[in-house]
N, C-alpha and C. Protein backbone atom coordinates (compact mmCIF):
# COMPACT_ATOMS: atom_id res chain seq x y z
N MET A 1 49.95 -48.15 -8.29
CA MET A 1 48.52 -48.63 -8.00
C MET A 1 48.87 -49.96 -7.56
N SER A 2 48.74 -50.23 -6.46
CA SER A 2 49.08 -51.76 -5.96
C SER A 2 47.75 -52.40 -6.14
N HIS A 3 47.90 -53.77 -6.30
CA HIS A 3 46.66 -54.25 -7.01
C HIS A 3 45.52 -53.41 -7.77
N GLY A 4 46.02 -52.18 -8.32
CA GLY A 4 44.89 -51.13 -8.72
C GLY A 4 44.44 -51.76 -10.12
N GLU A 5 44.93 -52.88 -10.86
CA GLU A 5 44.44 -53.01 -11.95
C GLU A 5 42.97 -54.04 -11.69
N HIS A 6 42.76 -54.28 -10.81
CA HIS A 6 41.89 -55.29 -10.30
C HIS A 6 40.77 -54.03 -9.55
N GLN A 7 40.86 -53.49 -9.17
CA GLN A 7 40.15 -52.72 -8.24
C GLN A 7 38.82 -52.57 -9.36
N ASN A 8 38.89 -52.53 -10.56
CA ASN A 8 38.01 -52.54 -11.45
C ASN A 8 37.33 -53.74 -11.63
N LEU A 9 37.57 -55.08 -11.25
CA LEU A 9 36.55 -56.40 -11.52
C LEU A 9 36.02 -56.33 -10.08
N ILE A 10 34.75 -56.24 -10.49
CA ILE A 10 33.57 -55.76 -9.16
C ILE A 10 33.19 -57.26 -8.78
N GLU A 11 33.78 -57.41 -7.91
CA GLU A 11 32.84 -58.59 -7.13
C GLU A 11 32.17 -58.41 -6.38
N ASP A 12 32.09 -57.47 -5.28
CA ASP A 12 31.58 -57.62 -4.02
C ASP A 12 30.36 -56.60 -4.25
N GLU A 13 29.31 -57.00 -3.43
CA GLU A 13 27.85 -56.22 -3.54
C GLU A 13 28.03 -55.14 -3.27
N ALA A 14 28.85 -54.22 -2.68
CA ALA A 14 28.73 -52.58 -2.44
C ALA A 14 29.43 -52.20 -3.79
N GLY A 15 29.98 -52.99 -4.61
CA GLY A 15 30.61 -52.64 -5.91
C GLY A 15 29.66 -52.86 -7.14
N VAL A 16 28.84 -53.68 -7.14
CA VAL A 16 27.70 -53.69 -7.78
C VAL A 16 26.38 -52.81 -7.73
N LYS A 17 26.21 -52.21 -6.26
CA LYS A 17 25.34 -51.59 -6.41
C LYS A 17 25.65 -50.31 -6.46
N ARG A 18 26.99 -49.76 -6.43
CA ARG A 18 27.57 -48.92 -7.04
C ARG A 18 27.03 -48.67 -8.62
N VAL A 19 27.81 -49.63 -9.19
CA VAL A 19 27.60 -49.82 -10.91
C VAL A 19 26.04 -49.46 -11.26
N VAL A 20 24.91 -50.20 -10.48
CA VAL A 20 23.86 -50.10 -10.79
C VAL A 20 23.07 -48.79 -11.04
N GLN A 21 23.36 -48.19 -9.56
CA GLN A 21 23.03 -46.53 -9.26
C GLN A 21 23.66 -45.76 -9.99
N ASP A 22 24.78 -45.89 -10.77
CA ASP A 22 25.29 -45.12 -11.60
C ASP A 22 24.84 -44.96 -13.10
N ALA A 23 24.05 -46.08 -13.16
CA ALA A 23 23.44 -46.46 -14.74
C ALA A 23 22.56 -45.33 -14.94
N ARG A 24 22.70 -44.33 -15.23
CA ARG A 24 21.70 -43.97 -16.03
C ARG A 24 21.19 -43.85 -17.31
N ARG A 25 22.39 -44.13 -18.31
CA ARG A 25 22.32 -44.50 -19.66
C ARG A 25 23.06 -45.39 -19.90
N VAL A 26 22.51 -46.79 -20.38
CA VAL A 26 22.87 -48.00 -20.50
C VAL A 26 22.65 -48.04 -22.15
N ALA A 27 23.78 -48.75 -22.50
CA ALA A 27 23.57 -49.06 -23.96
C ALA A 27 23.91 -50.31 -23.82
N VAL A 28 22.98 -51.23 -24.69
CA VAL A 28 22.65 -52.80 -24.58
C VAL A 28 23.58 -53.43 -25.97
N LEU A 29 24.42 -54.13 -25.50
CA LEU A 29 24.93 -54.78 -26.91
C LEU A 29 24.96 -55.89 -27.21
N GLY A 30 24.16 -56.38 -28.28
CA GLY A 30 23.41 -57.70 -28.23
C GLY A 30 22.17 -57.52 -27.79
N ILE A 31 21.57 -56.53 -28.10
CA ILE A 31 19.78 -56.46 -27.37
C ILE A 31 18.95 -57.24 -28.93
N LYS A 32 18.25 -57.43 -28.62
CA LYS A 32 17.29 -58.18 -29.48
C LYS A 32 15.89 -57.33 -29.96
N THR A 33 15.36 -57.94 -30.77
CA THR A 33 13.80 -57.03 -31.02
C THR A 33 12.69 -57.35 -30.32
N GLU A 34 12.10 -56.44 -30.74
CA GLU A 34 9.88 -57.10 -30.33
C GLU A 34 10.15 -58.34 -30.34
N ASP A 35 10.80 -59.12 -31.65
CA ASP A 35 10.36 -60.19 -31.96
C ASP A 35 10.28 -61.47 -30.94
N HIS A 36 11.54 -61.10 -30.44
CA HIS A 36 11.98 -61.99 -29.42
C HIS A 36 11.73 -61.65 -28.21
N SER A 37 10.64 -61.00 -27.57
CA SER A 37 10.71 -60.60 -26.15
C SER A 37 10.20 -61.61 -24.99
N GLY A 38 10.33 -62.78 -25.61
CA GLY A 38 10.79 -63.94 -24.46
C GLY A 38 11.82 -64.14 -24.17
N GLN A 39 12.80 -63.42 -24.49
CA GLN A 39 14.65 -63.68 -24.09
C GLN A 39 14.97 -62.31 -23.63
N PRO A 40 16.01 -62.75 -22.69
CA PRO A 40 16.44 -61.86 -21.85
C PRO A 40 16.82 -60.60 -22.46
N ALA A 41 17.72 -60.90 -23.88
CA ALA A 41 17.86 -59.89 -24.52
C ALA A 41 16.90 -58.50 -24.94
N TYR A 42 15.71 -58.97 -24.66
CA TYR A 42 14.93 -57.96 -25.20
C TYR A 42 13.82 -57.39 -23.83
N TYR A 43 13.88 -58.67 -22.70
CA TYR A 43 13.00 -58.36 -21.89
C TYR A 43 13.99 -57.33 -20.67
N VAL A 44 15.17 -57.71 -20.84
CA VAL A 44 15.87 -56.79 -19.75
C VAL A 44 16.29 -55.46 -19.89
N PRO A 45 16.25 -55.42 -21.28
CA PRO A 45 16.75 -53.94 -21.77
C PRO A 45 15.06 -53.02 -21.55
N GLU A 46 13.95 -53.82 -21.85
CA GLU A 46 12.57 -53.23 -21.99
C GLU A 46 12.11 -53.08 -20.28
N TYR A 47 12.65 -53.95 -19.49
CA TYR A 47 12.16 -53.56 -17.90
C TYR A 47 13.39 -52.41 -17.42
N LEU A 48 14.61 -52.31 -17.81
CA LEU A 48 15.16 -51.13 -17.37
C LEU A 48 14.61 -49.69 -18.17
N ALA A 49 14.40 -49.63 -19.53
CA ALA A 49 13.72 -48.72 -20.00
C ALA A 49 12.36 -48.19 -19.41
N LYS A 50 11.32 -49.11 -19.00
CA LYS A 50 10.35 -48.77 -17.75
C LYS A 50 10.30 -48.59 -16.46
N ALA A 51 11.62 -49.00 -16.13
CA ALA A 51 12.53 -48.21 -14.70
C ALA A 51 13.00 -46.97 -14.74
N GLY A 52 12.97 -46.28 -16.20
CA GLY A 52 13.82 -44.74 -15.89
C GLY A 52 14.94 -44.81 -16.63
N VAL A 53 15.24 -45.89 -16.78
CA VAL A 53 16.61 -46.01 -17.36
C VAL A 53 16.84 -45.66 -19.12
N ASP A 54 17.57 -44.43 -19.41
CA ASP A 54 17.77 -44.16 -20.85
C ASP A 54 18.78 -45.42 -21.56
N VAL A 55 17.70 -46.46 -22.30
CA VAL A 55 18.55 -47.59 -22.64
C VAL A 55 19.09 -47.17 -24.31
N VAL A 56 19.88 -47.72 -24.63
CA VAL A 56 20.34 -47.19 -26.30
C VAL A 56 21.01 -48.48 -26.96
N PRO A 57 19.87 -49.06 -27.36
CA PRO A 57 20.03 -49.97 -28.34
C PRO A 57 21.26 -50.40 -29.27
N VAL A 58 22.05 -51.32 -28.99
CA VAL A 58 23.23 -51.55 -29.82
C VAL A 58 22.78 -53.45 -30.10
N PRO A 59 22.18 -53.23 -31.51
CA PRO A 59 21.85 -54.66 -31.54
C PRO A 59 23.31 -55.13 -32.71
N VAL A 60 23.76 -56.67 -32.40
CA VAL A 60 24.64 -57.35 -33.59
C VAL A 60 24.22 -57.56 -34.65
N TYR A 61 22.69 -58.45 -34.60
CA TYR A 61 22.16 -58.81 -35.80
C TYR A 61 20.79 -57.64 -36.43
N TYR A 62 19.48 -58.44 -36.90
CA TYR A 62 18.82 -57.63 -37.34
C TYR A 62 19.07 -56.16 -37.83
N PRO A 63 20.00 -56.13 -39.15
CA PRO A 63 20.29 -54.99 -39.86
C PRO A 63 19.12 -54.17 -40.38
N ASP A 64 17.70 -54.78 -40.19
CA ASP A 64 16.62 -53.64 -40.83
C ASP A 64 16.20 -53.15 -39.70
N ALA A 65 16.52 -53.47 -38.55
CA ALA A 65 16.01 -52.75 -37.15
C ALA A 65 16.43 -51.08 -37.18
N LYS A 66 15.52 -50.23 -37.10
CA LYS A 66 15.79 -49.15 -37.08
C LYS A 66 15.76 -48.64 -35.70
N GLN A 67 14.86 -48.79 -35.16
CA GLN A 67 14.36 -48.61 -33.63
C GLN A 67 14.22 -49.60 -32.92
N ILE A 68 14.58 -49.89 -31.80
CA ILE A 68 13.86 -50.99 -30.45
C ILE A 68 13.64 -50.26 -29.31
N LEU A 69 12.70 -50.58 -28.84
CA LEU A 69 11.88 -49.65 -27.91
C LEU A 69 11.76 -48.08 -27.83
N GLY A 70 11.40 -48.07 -29.06
CA GLY A 70 11.31 -46.57 -29.39
C GLY A 70 12.23 -45.71 -29.28
N LYS A 71 13.43 -46.53 -29.31
CA LYS A 71 14.74 -45.77 -29.73
C LYS A 71 15.60 -46.04 -30.97
N PRO A 72 15.95 -45.04 -31.49
CA PRO A 72 17.30 -45.38 -32.44
C PRO A 72 18.30 -46.27 -32.29
N VAL A 73 18.54 -47.06 -33.02
CA VAL A 73 19.52 -48.11 -32.98
C VAL A 73 20.89 -47.55 -33.53
N TYR A 74 21.88 -48.27 -32.72
CA TYR A 74 23.34 -47.89 -33.53
C TYR A 74 24.02 -48.87 -33.92
N ARG A 75 24.95 -49.35 -34.57
CA ARG A 75 25.46 -50.47 -34.71
C ARG A 75 27.13 -50.49 -34.18
N LYS A 76 27.12 -49.17 -33.93
CA LYS A 76 28.71 -49.63 -32.99
C LYS A 76 28.45 -48.45 -31.34
N LEU A 77 29.16 -49.20 -30.42
CA LEU A 77 29.13 -48.02 -29.13
C LEU A 77 29.49 -46.88 -29.94
N VAL A 78 30.69 -46.81 -30.13
CA VAL A 78 31.53 -45.18 -30.61
C VAL A 78 30.83 -44.42 -31.62
N ASP A 79 29.62 -45.21 -31.71
CA ASP A 79 28.84 -44.10 -32.84
C ASP A 79 27.41 -43.75 -31.85
N ILE A 80 27.61 -43.85 -30.83
CA ILE A 80 26.52 -43.19 -30.08
C ILE A 80 26.92 -41.70 -29.26
N PRO A 81 26.13 -41.00 -29.44
CA PRO A 81 26.80 -39.50 -29.21
C PRO A 81 26.24 -39.36 -27.68
N GLY A 82 27.39 -38.53 -27.09
CA GLY A 82 27.17 -38.46 -25.40
C GLY A 82 27.80 -39.80 -24.73
N ASP A 83 27.80 -39.51 -23.52
CA ASP A 83 28.59 -40.30 -22.15
C ASP A 83 27.35 -41.69 -22.58
N ILE A 84 28.16 -42.71 -22.00
CA ILE A 84 27.30 -43.86 -21.67
C ILE A 84 27.61 -44.61 -19.95
N ASP A 85 27.05 -44.63 -19.24
CA ASP A 85 27.58 -45.05 -17.72
C ASP A 85 27.44 -46.38 -17.98
N LEU A 86 26.90 -47.55 -18.72
CA LEU A 86 27.07 -48.73 -18.33
C LEU A 86 26.77 -48.93 -19.94
N VAL A 87 27.61 -50.23 -20.58
CA VAL A 87 27.31 -51.38 -21.47
C VAL A 87 27.02 -52.49 -21.03
N ASP A 88 25.74 -52.64 -21.46
CA ASP A 88 24.87 -54.17 -20.81
C ASP A 88 25.40 -55.36 -22.43
N VAL A 89 25.94 -56.36 -21.89
CA VAL A 89 26.31 -57.07 -22.77
C VAL A 89 25.77 -58.66 -23.06
N PHE A 90 24.83 -58.52 -24.07
CA PHE A 90 24.36 -60.12 -24.49
C PHE A 90 25.10 -60.66 -25.14
N ARG A 91 26.15 -61.24 -25.30
CA ARG A 91 26.84 -61.66 -25.81
C ARG A 91 27.66 -63.21 -25.76
N ARG A 92 27.62 -63.94 -26.52
CA ARG A 92 28.12 -65.44 -25.72
C ARG A 92 29.74 -65.22 -25.58
N ALA A 93 29.98 -65.31 -24.41
CA ALA A 93 31.55 -65.18 -23.84
C ALA A 93 32.41 -64.97 -24.88
N GLY A 94 32.79 -66.27 -25.95
CA GLY A 94 33.35 -66.04 -26.85
C GLY A 94 33.46 -65.08 -28.04
N ASP A 95 32.29 -64.50 -27.86
CA ASP A 95 31.87 -63.15 -28.89
C ASP A 95 32.66 -61.84 -28.52
N ILE A 96 32.44 -61.88 -27.27
CA ILE A 96 32.67 -60.50 -26.59
C ILE A 96 34.29 -59.97 -27.09
N ASP A 97 35.20 -60.78 -27.22
CA ASP A 97 36.61 -60.39 -27.50
C ASP A 97 36.60 -59.30 -28.87
N GLN A 98 35.57 -59.64 -30.29
CA GLN A 98 35.26 -58.73 -30.86
C GLN A 98 34.86 -57.26 -30.70
N HIS A 99 34.34 -57.17 -29.73
CA HIS A 99 33.68 -56.02 -29.48
C HIS A 99 34.70 -54.91 -28.39
N VAL A 100 35.76 -55.42 -27.58
CA VAL A 100 36.46 -54.94 -26.88
C VAL A 100 37.14 -53.43 -27.28
N ASP A 101 37.50 -53.37 -28.40
CA ASP A 101 38.21 -52.33 -28.89
C ASP A 101 37.19 -51.23 -29.32
N ASP A 102 35.76 -51.80 -29.40
CA ASP A 102 34.72 -50.52 -29.68
C ASP A 102 34.45 -50.10 -28.22
N ILE A 103 34.16 -50.92 -27.22
CA ILE A 103 33.73 -50.67 -25.85
C ILE A 103 35.21 -49.53 -25.34
N LEU A 104 36.26 -50.44 -25.39
CA LEU A 104 37.60 -49.01 -25.27
C LEU A 104 37.41 -47.84 -25.78
N ALA A 105 36.86 -47.99 -27.08
CA ALA A 105 36.95 -46.27 -27.23
C ALA A 105 36.01 -45.29 -27.16
N LYS A 106 34.40 -46.28 -26.89
CA LYS A 106 33.59 -45.68 -26.08
C LYS A 106 34.18 -44.80 -24.77
N LYS A 107 34.71 -46.00 -24.03
CA LYS A 107 35.05 -45.46 -22.59
C LYS A 107 34.02 -45.26 -21.61
N PRO A 108 32.77 -46.40 -21.55
CA PRO A 108 31.88 -46.34 -20.19
C PRO A 108 32.15 -45.97 -19.50
N LYS A 109 31.27 -45.89 -18.25
CA LYS A 109 31.94 -45.90 -17.00
C LYS A 109 32.41 -47.71 -16.50
N ALA A 110 31.49 -48.33 -17.15
CA ALA A 110 31.18 -49.59 -16.47
C ALA A 110 30.67 -50.81 -17.61
N VAL A 111 30.99 -51.81 -17.73
CA VAL A 111 30.75 -53.03 -18.30
C VAL A 111 30.18 -54.01 -17.69
N TRP A 112 28.75 -54.43 -17.92
CA TRP A 112 27.81 -55.62 -17.59
C TRP A 112 27.79 -56.74 -18.48
N PHE A 113 28.38 -58.06 -18.22
CA PHE A 113 28.10 -59.19 -18.93
C PHE A 113 27.60 -59.65 -17.95
N GLN A 114 26.17 -60.28 -19.05
CA GLN A 114 24.86 -60.70 -18.12
C GLN A 114 25.11 -62.12 -17.71
N SER A 115 24.14 -62.71 -17.33
CA SER A 115 24.27 -64.49 -16.26
C SER A 115 25.05 -65.24 -17.36
N GLY A 116 25.62 -66.25 -16.89
CA GLY A 116 26.18 -66.84 -17.93
C GLY A 116 27.08 -66.40 -18.71
N ILE A 117 27.82 -65.19 -18.64
CA ILE A 117 28.22 -64.75 -19.70
C ILE A 117 29.96 -64.33 -18.44
N ARG A 118 31.02 -65.10 -18.63
CA ARG A 118 32.25 -64.62 -17.91
C ARG A 118 33.54 -64.60 -19.09
N ASN A 119 34.11 -63.47 -19.46
CA ASN A 119 35.19 -63.46 -20.23
C ASN A 119 36.42 -62.73 -19.82
N ASP A 120 37.07 -63.68 -18.70
CA ASP A 120 38.37 -62.72 -18.03
C ASP A 120 39.58 -61.88 -18.54
N ALA A 121 39.46 -62.31 -20.05
CA ALA A 121 40.58 -61.68 -20.44
C ALA A 121 40.27 -60.49 -21.13
N ALA A 122 39.08 -60.54 -21.19
CA ALA A 122 38.47 -58.82 -21.89
C ALA A 122 38.08 -58.36 -20.60
N ALA A 123 37.74 -59.14 -19.71
CA ALA A 123 36.73 -58.45 -18.37
C ALA A 123 38.54 -57.48 -17.85
N LYS A 124 39.86 -57.81 -18.11
CA LYS A 124 41.14 -57.74 -17.17
C LYS A 124 41.35 -56.31 -18.60
N ARG A 125 40.89 -56.60 -19.76
CA ARG A 125 41.65 -55.47 -20.60
C ARG A 125 40.70 -54.16 -20.19
N LEU A 126 39.45 -54.58 -20.11
CA LEU A 126 38.41 -53.34 -19.76
C LEU A 126 39.02 -52.62 -18.63
N ALA A 127 39.05 -53.40 -17.73
CA ALA A 127 39.82 -52.82 -16.05
C ALA A 127 41.11 -52.53 -16.19
N ASP A 128 41.98 -52.72 -16.88
CA ASP A 128 42.80 -52.49 -17.13
C ASP A 128 42.82 -50.79 -17.79
N ALA A 129 41.63 -50.20 -18.43
CA ALA A 129 41.45 -49.15 -18.75
C ALA A 129 40.63 -48.36 -17.82
N GLY A 130 40.73 -48.87 -16.81
CA GLY A 130 40.16 -47.54 -16.24
C GLY A 130 38.56 -47.84 -15.93
N ILE A 131 37.72 -48.97 -16.72
CA ILE A 131 36.30 -49.46 -16.98
C ILE A 131 36.02 -50.31 -16.13
N ARG A 132 35.20 -50.36 -14.96
CA ARG A 132 34.58 -51.42 -14.22
C ARG A 132 33.69 -52.25 -14.53
N VAL A 133 33.97 -53.46 -14.54
CA VAL A 133 33.34 -54.89 -14.82
C VAL A 133 32.87 -55.96 -13.86
N VAL A 134 31.45 -55.73 -14.23
CA VAL A 134 30.90 -56.92 -13.82
C VAL A 134 30.26 -58.02 -14.44
N GLN A 135 30.44 -59.21 -14.21
CA GLN A 135 30.53 -60.25 -14.97
C GLN A 135 29.68 -61.53 -14.45
N ASP A 136 28.69 -62.32 -15.48
CA ASP A 136 28.14 -63.03 -14.77
C ASP A 136 26.77 -62.96 -13.82
N ARG A 137 25.96 -61.61 -14.23
CA ARG A 137 25.41 -61.37 -13.05
C ARG A 137 23.87 -60.76 -14.22
N CYS A 138 23.08 -60.93 -13.62
CA CYS A 138 21.61 -60.07 -14.50
C CYS A 138 21.33 -58.88 -13.77
N LEU A 139 21.50 -57.75 -14.67
CA LEU A 139 21.27 -56.18 -14.79
C LEU A 139 19.95 -56.11 -14.11
N MET A 140 19.13 -56.67 -14.67
CA MET A 140 17.64 -56.74 -14.19
C MET A 140 17.23 -56.90 -12.77
N VAL A 141 17.55 -58.44 -12.40
CA VAL A 141 17.75 -58.16 -11.07
C VAL A 141 18.66 -57.78 -10.27
N ASP A 142 19.99 -57.58 -10.38
CA ASP A 142 20.45 -56.30 -9.64
C ASP A 142 19.38 -54.86 -9.36
N HIS A 143 19.52 -54.36 -10.32
CA HIS A 143 18.57 -53.06 -10.64
C HIS A 143 17.14 -52.83 -9.56
N ARG A 144 16.41 -54.12 -9.85
CA ARG A 144 15.57 -54.57 -8.51
C ARG A 144 15.68 -54.48 -7.62
N ARG A 145 17.11 -54.89 -7.00
CA ARG A 145 17.77 -55.07 -6.03
C ARG A 145 18.34 -53.69 -5.14
N TYR A 146 18.87 -53.27 -5.91
CA TYR A 146 20.21 -51.89 -5.76
C TYR A 146 19.04 -50.33 -6.45
N SER A 147 18.55 -50.27 -6.83
CA SER A 147 17.83 -49.03 -7.50
C SER A 147 17.20 -47.99 -6.74
N GLY A 148 16.42 -48.68 -5.61
CA GLY A 148 15.80 -48.21 -5.09
C GLY A 148 14.44 -47.73 -5.57
N ARG A 149 14.00 -48.60 -6.76
CA ARG A 149 12.58 -48.29 -7.34
C ARG A 149 11.85 -49.23 -6.75
């Protein structure tokens, strides 16, 4: 694999478009609850759900939350039954490292770090494991642009 380890670090528009179009089932790590409807960690997954994406909520806080967006909450990605196309990450860059093992264990097709979030070391670990990674972009914006809806 020549330069292969980085073919999964998606920087080009065609690659981003492909990740978006493949994302039918999306786990949202760090999703917030309805009480935070003004924050991207709630309104981005809410948009995705309304657009027909199967959103799986994985909150980091809110231990009492049993459902978000009408869907059952999971505490770890690895606990989610079935395959995940994409993990959309709403965590500070420095908080991502603690989730990498869980992401690797779940083996999603791709991982998306939301706008303003970059963690190159974590991205490289995921990319080396065969997972496509998009950093520092808003999934809602790109979904509107590329989903064809």
